[in-house]
Protein backbone atom coordinates (compact mmCIF):
# COMPACT_ATOMS: atom_id res chain seq x y z
CA MET A 1 0.03 -0.17 -0.03
CA THR A 2 2.33 2.73 1.06
CA ARG A 3 4.41 2.08 -2.17
CA MET A 4 1.04 3.00 -4.22
CA ILE A 5 1.18 6.48 -2.25
CA PRO A 6 3.80 8.07 -4.91
CA GLN A 7 1.47 6.91 -7.71
CA ILE A 8 -1.94 8.26 -6.39
CA PHE A 9 0.16 11.59 -5.50
CA LEU A 10 0.58 12.11 -9.02
CA LEU A 11 -2.95 11.48 -10.22
CA ILE A 12 -3.34 14.22 -7.50
CA ILE A 13 -0.67 16.17 -9.21
CA GLY A 14 -2.16 15.63 -12.97
CA PHE A 15 -5.61 17.06 -11.50
CA LEU A 16 -3.84 20.06 -10.23
CA PHE A 17 -2.73 21.05 -13.32
CA ALA A 18 -5.33 19.81 -15.63
CA ALA A 19 -8.26 21.43 -13.69
CA PRO A 20 -7.59 25.11 -14.98
CA LEU A 21 -7.90 24.12 -18.62
CA SER A 22 -11.34 25.68 -19.90
CA GLY A 23 -12.66 24.93 -23.07
CA TYR A 24 -16.00 24.93 -25.13
CA GLY A 25 -17.74 22.33 -27.39
CA GLN A 26 -20.88 20.21 -27.74
CA LEU A 27 -21.94 17.47 -25.44
CA PHE A 28 -20.99 14.36 -26.29
CA THR A 29 -21.49 11.08 -24.34
CA GLY A 30 -18.06 9.52 -25.63
CA ARG A 31 -15.79 12.46 -23.16
CA SER A 32 -16.83 10.61 -20.30
CA GLN A 33 -16.17 7.08 -21.76
CA MET A 34 -14.25 5.37 -24.50
CA THR A 35 -15.65 2.38 -26.45
CA ILE A 36 -12.90 -0.26 -26.36
CA PRO A 37 -14.41 -3.72 -28.02
CA ASP A 38 -13.78 -6.29 -26.43
CA SER A 39 -10.54 -8.71 -27.66
CA SER A 40 -12.01 -11.47 -25.99
CA LEU A 41 -15.02 -11.56 -28.31
CA PRO A 42 -15.50 -14.79 -29.97
CA VAL A 43 -15.46 -14.83 -34.10
CA GLY A 44 -18.89 -14.82 -35.56
CA TRP A 45 -21.96 -13.49 -35.44
CA LEU A 46 -23.40 -11.26 -32.47
CA PRO A 47 -20.82 -12.63 -30.40
CA GLY A 48 -21.31 -9.72 -27.63
CA LEU A 49 -22.96 -6.89 -25.95
CA GLY A 50 -21.53 -3.69 -24.02
CA LEU A 51 -23.79 -1.86 -21.45
CA SER A 52 -23.29 1.41 -19.50
CA ALA A 53 -24.86 3.75 -16.87
CA GLU A 54 -23.96 6.30 -15.22
CA MET A 55 -25.73 9.47 -13.06
CA ASN A 56 -23.84 12.81 -11.55
CA SER A 57 -24.90 16.06 -10.13
CA GLY A 58 -23.36 19.21 -11.08
CA TYR A 59 -22.56 22.56 -9.61
CA GLY A 60 -22.21 26.10 -11.04
CA SER A 61 -23.67 25.55 -14.59
CA VAL A 62 -25.13 28.41 -16.32
CA ALA A 63 -29.26 28.72 -15.07
CA GLU A 64 -28.13 25.13 -13.14
CA GLU A 65 -28.82 23.65 -16.35
CA GLN A 66 -26.63 20.53 -15.23
CA ALA A 67 -27.84 20.17 -12.16
CA TRP A 68 -28.42 16.70 -12.52
CA ASN A 69 -26.90 14.52 -15.79
CA TYR A 70 -27.30 10.61 -16.64
CA LYS A 71 -26.09 8.78 -19.69
CA LEU A 72 -27.12 5.29 -20.73
CA GLN A 73 -24.98 3.68 -23.50
CA GLY A 74 -25.18 0.33 -24.99
CA THR A 75 -22.72 -1.90 -27.94
CA ILE A 76 -24.27 -4.65 -29.89
CA TYR A 77 -21.60 -6.51 -31.48
CA PHE A 78 -22.76 -7.28 -35.17
CA ALA A 79 -19.80 -9.71 -36.15
CA ARG A 80 -16.15 -10.24 -35.74
CA LEU A 81 -13.86 -11.65 -37.99
CA ASP A 82 -9.65 -12.34 -37.19
CA SER A 83 -8.95 -8.47 -35.70
CA TRP A 84 -11.98 -6.81 -37.34
CA ILE A 85 -15.24 -5.90 -35.23
CA LEU A 86 -18.42 -4.51 -36.42
CA SER A 87 -20.32 -3.00 -33.54
CA GLY A 88 -23.77 -0.21 -33.23
CA THR A 89 -23.27 2.18 -30.28
CA LEU A 90 -26.23 3.63 -28.75
CA THR A 91 -25.95 6.73 -26.25
CA HIS A 92 -28.69 8.62 -24.17
CA GLU A 93 -27.87 11.27 -22.59
CA GLN A 94 -30.35 13.76 -20.36
CA SER A 95 -29.41 16.69 -18.23
CA ALA A 96 -31.99 18.43 -15.68
CA ASN A 97 -32.36 21.27 -13.64
CA PRO A 98 -33.60 21.05 -9.95
CA TYR A 99 -36.85 23.67 -10.75
CA SER A 100 -39.62 21.21 -9.84
CA ASP A 101 -40.78 20.05 -6.39
CA ILE A 102 -38.44 17.40 -5.92
CA ASN A 103 -35.47 19.33 -7.37
CA PHE A 104 -35.29 17.23 -10.81
CA ASN A 105 -36.59 18.75 -13.84
CA PRO A 106 -35.76 17.23 -17.38
CA LYS A 107 -35.97 19.63 -20.22
CA ARG A 108 -33.90 18.07 -23.07
CA ALA A 109 -31.68 14.60 -24.40
CA TRP A 110 -28.85 13.86 -26.65
CA TRP A 111 -29.52 10.60 -28.87
CA THR A 112 -26.27 9.59 -30.65
CA GLU A 113 -25.87 6.30 -33.11
CA THR A 114 -22.99 5.30 -34.31
CA ILE A 115 -22.04 2.18 -36.76
CA ASN A 116 -18.17 1.15 -36.12
CA LEU A 117 -15.95 -0.95 -38.23
CA SER A 118 -12.53 -1.47 -35.83
CA TYR A 119 -9.45 -2.94 -36.39
CA LEU A 120 -7.72 -4.83 -33.12
CA THR A 121 -3.80 -4.86 -32.96
CA THR A 122 -1.76 -5.56 -29.91
CA ASP A 123 -0.68 -1.73 -29.50
CA TYR A 124 -3.98 -0.10 -31.05
CA ILE A 125 -7.23 -0.33 -32.07
CA ILE A 126 -8.52 1.73 -35.29
CA GLN A 127 -12.21 2.45 -35.68
CA THR A 128 -14.02 4.41 -38.24
CA GLY A 129 -17.82 4.87 -38.97
CA ILE A 130 -20.93 6.97 -39.10
CA PHE A 131 -22.63 9.06 -36.35
CA HIS A 132 -25.85 10.52 -35.86
CA ARG A 133 -26.64 12.95 -33.08
CA CYS A 134 -29.45 14.88 -32.08
CA LYS A 135 -30.80 16.76 -29.25
CA HIS A 136 -34.65 16.51 -28.01
CA ASP A 137 -36.56 18.84 -25.76
CA ILE A 138 -38.74 17.57 -23.14
CA ASP A 139 -41.79 19.05 -21.86
CA ASN A 140 -41.59 22.37 -24.03
CA ALA A 141 -45.00 23.63 -22.85
CA GLU A 142 -43.75 23.82 -19.18
CA ALA A 143 -41.27 26.83 -18.42
CA THR A 144 -37.88 25.91 -18.10
CA ASN A 145 -38.01 27.56 -14.59
CA PRO A 146 -41.37 27.89 -13.08
CA GLU A 147 -40.53 30.71 -10.86
CA LYS A 148 -39.19 32.91 -14.05
CA PRO A 149 -41.61 31.62 -17.18
CA GLU A 150 -40.70 32.75 -20.68
CA PRO A 151 -43.70 34.38 -22.45
CA VAL A 152 -43.43 31.61 -24.89
CA SER A 153 -42.08 27.78 -24.52
CA THR A 154 -38.20 27.72 -26.25
CA GLN A 155 -37.28 24.96 -28.38
CA ARG A 156 -33.89 24.03 -29.71
CA GLY A 157 -33.04 20.92 -32.11
CA PRO A 158 -29.45 20.84 -33.32
CA ILE A 159 -28.37 17.80 -35.72
CA VAL A 160 -24.98 16.30 -36.54
CA THR A 161 -24.46 13.56 -38.48
CA GLY A 162 -20.72 12.74 -39.91
CA LEU A 163 -18.00 10.54 -40.48
CA HIS A 164 -15.16 9.68 -38.15
CA LEU A 165 -11.66 8.23 -38.10
CA THR A 166 -10.43 7.29 -34.33
CA VAL A 167 -7.22 5.32 -32.96
CA LEU A 168 -7.06 4.04 -29.05
CA SER A 169 -3.97 2.50 -27.71
CA SER A 170 -3.65 -0.27 -25.91
CA PRO A 171 -3.14 0.75 -21.79
CA GLN A 172 0.88 1.01 -21.79
CA PRO A 173 3.22 0.99 -18.55
CA LEU A 174 4.07 4.04 -17.28
CA LEU A 175 6.25 5.17 -14.23
CA ARG A 176 6.27 1.23 -12.70
CA THR A 177 2.60 0.23 -12.05
CA ILE A 178 0.71 3.27 -13.47
CA GLN A 179 -1.01 2.20 -17.11
CA HIS A 180 -1.39 4.86 -19.79
CA ARG A 181 -4.35 4.77 -22.26
CA TRP A 182 -4.35 7.51 -24.93
CA GLY A 183 -6.94 8.34 -27.93
CA GLY A 184 -8.02 10.58 -30.67
CA SER A 185 -10.72 11.01 -33.35
CA LEU A 186 -10.90 13.16 -36.62
CA ASN A 187 -14.74 13.82 -37.36
CA TYR A 188 -15.92 15.72 -40.69
CA HIS A 189 -19.75 16.55 -40.21
CA LEU A 190 -21.91 15.78 -43.57
CA PHE A 191 -25.42 16.95 -42.51
CA GLY A 192 -26.06 19.45 -39.29
CA SER A 193 -29.59 21.75 -37.96
CA ASP A 194 -29.51 24.10 -35.40
CA TYR A 195 -33.69 24.76 -35.38
CA ARG A 196 -34.25 27.42 -32.65
CA ASN A 197 -37.61 28.96 -31.50
CA PRO A 198 -38.96 31.25 -30.82
CA SER A 199 -37.10 32.25 -34.30
CA SER A 200 -35.87 35.56 -35.23
CA GLU A 201 -33.11 36.93 -37.73
CA GLU A 202 -31.17 38.50 -34.46
CA ILE A 203 -31.65 35.04 -32.47
CA ASN A 204 -30.50 33.09 -35.90
CA ARG A 205 -27.68 35.25 -36.06
CA ILE A 206 -26.27 34.57 -32.67
CA GLN A 207 -23.45 32.10 -32.85
CA PRO A 208 -22.28 29.77 -33.22
CA ARG A 209 -24.50 27.56 -35.02
CA LEU A 210 -24.16 23.53 -35.36
CA ASP A 211 -25.45 23.73 -38.90
CA GLU A 212 -22.24 25.35 -39.78
CA SER A 213 -20.27 22.88 -37.96
CA VAL A 214 -17.84 21.17 -40.68
CA GLY A 215 -15.45 18.92 -38.30
CA SER A 216 -14.07 18.61 -35.01
CA VAL A 217 -11.02 16.43 -33.46
CA TRP A 218 -10.89 15.21 -30.11
CA ALA A 219 -8.27 13.55 -27.88
CA LEU A 220 -8.40 12.08 -24.05
CA SER A 221 -5.84 10.30 -21.99
CA ARG A 222 -6.40 8.10 -19.28
CA LEU A 223 -4.11 7.01 -16.23
CA ASP A 224 -4.88 4.23 -14.10
CA ALA A 225 -3.00 3.67 -10.60
CA PRO A 226 -3.87 0.16 -8.58
CA VAL A 227 -4.58 0.87 -4.94
CA LEU A 228 -5.63 -2.64 -4.31
CA GLU A 229 -5.79 -5.93 -6.19
CA TRP A 230 -9.50 -4.95 -6.84
CA LEU A 231 -9.50 -1.04 -6.71
CA ASN A 232 -7.86 1.44 -9.13
CA ALA A 233 -7.30 5.35 -8.89
CA TYR A 234 -7.82 6.90 -12.53
CA GLN A 235 -7.73 10.32 -13.93
CA ARG A 236 -8.96 11.01 -17.64
CA ILE A 237 -8.88 14.27 -19.23
CA TRP A 238 -10.97 15.12 -22.75
CA LEU A 239 -10.30 17.89 -24.95
CA GLN A 240 -12.30 18.62 -28.29
CA ALA A 241 -12.10 21.53 -30.88
CA VAL A 242 -15.31 22.27 -33.12
CA PHE A 243 -14.72 24.08 -36.15
CA PHE A 244 -17.57 25.83 -38.41
CA GLU A 245 -17.68 28.07 -41.48
CA ARG A 246 -17.89 31.29 -39.80
CA ASP A 247 -17.16 31.09 -36.66
CA GLU A 248 -13.93 30.65 -34.73
CA PRO A 249 -13.47 27.00 -33.62
CA GLY A 250 -14.57 26.46 -30.15
CA PHE A 251 -13.08 24.04 -27.35
CA ASN A 252 -14.40 21.36 -24.87
CA SER A 253 -12.72 20.25 -21.99
CA ARG A 254 -13.38 17.91 -19.35
CA LEU A 255 -11.63 16.25 -16.20
CA GLU A 256 -12.73 13.46 -14.52
CA TRP A 257 -10.77 11.58 -11.50
CA GLY A 258 -12.36 8.51 -9.37
CA LEU A 259 -12.03 5.45 -8.17
CA ARG A 260 -13.08 1.94 -10.04
CA LEU A 261 -14.31 -1.02 -8.48
CA LYS A 262 -13.25 -3.93 -10.57
CA GLY A 263 -15.43 -6.99 -10.91
CA LEU A 264 -15.48 -9.99 -12.84
CA ARG A 265 -17.48 -8.66 -15.79
CA GLY A 266 -17.62 -4.98 -15.04
CA ASN A 267 -16.75 -1.92 -13.31
CA LEU A 268 -17.91 0.33 -10.86
CA ASP A 269 -16.77 3.92 -10.64
CA ALA A 270 -17.03 6.64 -8.13
CA PHE A 271 -15.97 9.72 -9.65
CA GLY A 272 -15.93 13.82 -9.94
CA GLY A 273 -14.67 16.43 -12.32
CA TYR A 274 -14.79 19.58 -13.89
CA GLU A 275 -16.15 20.48 -17.14
CA SER A 276 -16.46 23.43 -19.80
CA THR A 277 -18.22 23.90 -22.61
CA PHE A 278 -19.01 26.64 -24.80
CA ASP A 279 -23.10 25.20 -25.27
CA ASP A 280 -24.65 23.53 -23.58
CA VAL A 281 -27.70 23.50 -25.88
CA ALA A 282 -29.89 23.34 -22.56
CA LEU A 283 -31.56 26.60 -23.81
CA ASN A 284 -32.42 28.63 -26.86
CA THR A 285 -29.24 30.09 -27.88
CA PRO A 286 -25.65 28.93 -27.31
CA ARG A 287 -24.32 29.95 -23.56
CA PRO A 288 -20.56 28.58 -22.25
CA THR A 289 -21.04 26.96 -19.07
CA ASP A 290 -19.27 25.35 -16.81
CA TRP A 291 -19.43 23.25 -13.83
CA TRP A 292 -17.86 20.74 -11.33
CA PHE A 293 -19.90 16.91 -10.82
CA LEU A 294 -19.85 14.13 -8.34
CA GLY A 295 -21.32 10.55 -9.72
CA LEU A 296 -21.23 7.01 -10.14
CA ARG A 297 -21.16 4.74 -13.11
CA VAL A 298 -21.54 1.03 -13.62
CA SER A 299 -19.86 -0.78 -16.97
CA GLY A 300 -19.16 -3.46 -18.57
CA LEU A 301 -16.42 -4.85 -20.24
CA GLY A 302 -15.35 -2.74 -23.33
CA TRP A 303 -16.13 0.90 -21.75
CA GLU A 304 -13.00 2.84 -20.47
């Protein structure tokens, strides 16, 4: 146990340096977990499934729109042939503000569907595929904040469809028993929409507009340090740049650190962190926001 203290200390130092990173970006489920194809899958049709769910409470977001956030993620492995895996990933992300009798008022949800073709090597995983992301409002007839009702119900419906090329590394040793994993992705947007209601020429001119986004790049890094045989301390950093036709690029950052309880076929994470986005898409027009959060996550194998 004593020899683990310097490694945990390094994770804490990494957090202190990374916490000031402030960026902007679109909400994207993959910022909290990366999909890692299970290398133990047998060759054949429909060799397996992967599931993940998380819930966290946020503090400090604009209009408290990220007071609650939960994500449900599932992967269907359609087929495996030698080192090739064809899979589909479905994700649902929902956020809520505290303006209700039970302090939980869900107003919007993000859906993401992705088809991936992955190639597995000893050191890397290479993925390519197509993704579709859309945001849906919930209970638009009700005011977002009953204490400050809007004159009309507000709506916003951004949609992004595109192609991606992603590279993920296998765990690599770093500083004795610490494991390091990294990844990066290039995304090209084929189609985008940014419906806003109420709509006016002034509102529609407010940048950025997601229907004018042309693509994005993201990078992530994860460190794992063993505390006990069944328990790891970890830190992950995720950064994204989104590019637009007319507006300047926006940047997103997420820092997460926590403890992972390792099971036979799954994991339980207790985590906290900091996130910043240029547009949380909760409101009718883009607004930058950042917040701190605490949460729990349960996941099967295939999610990091």
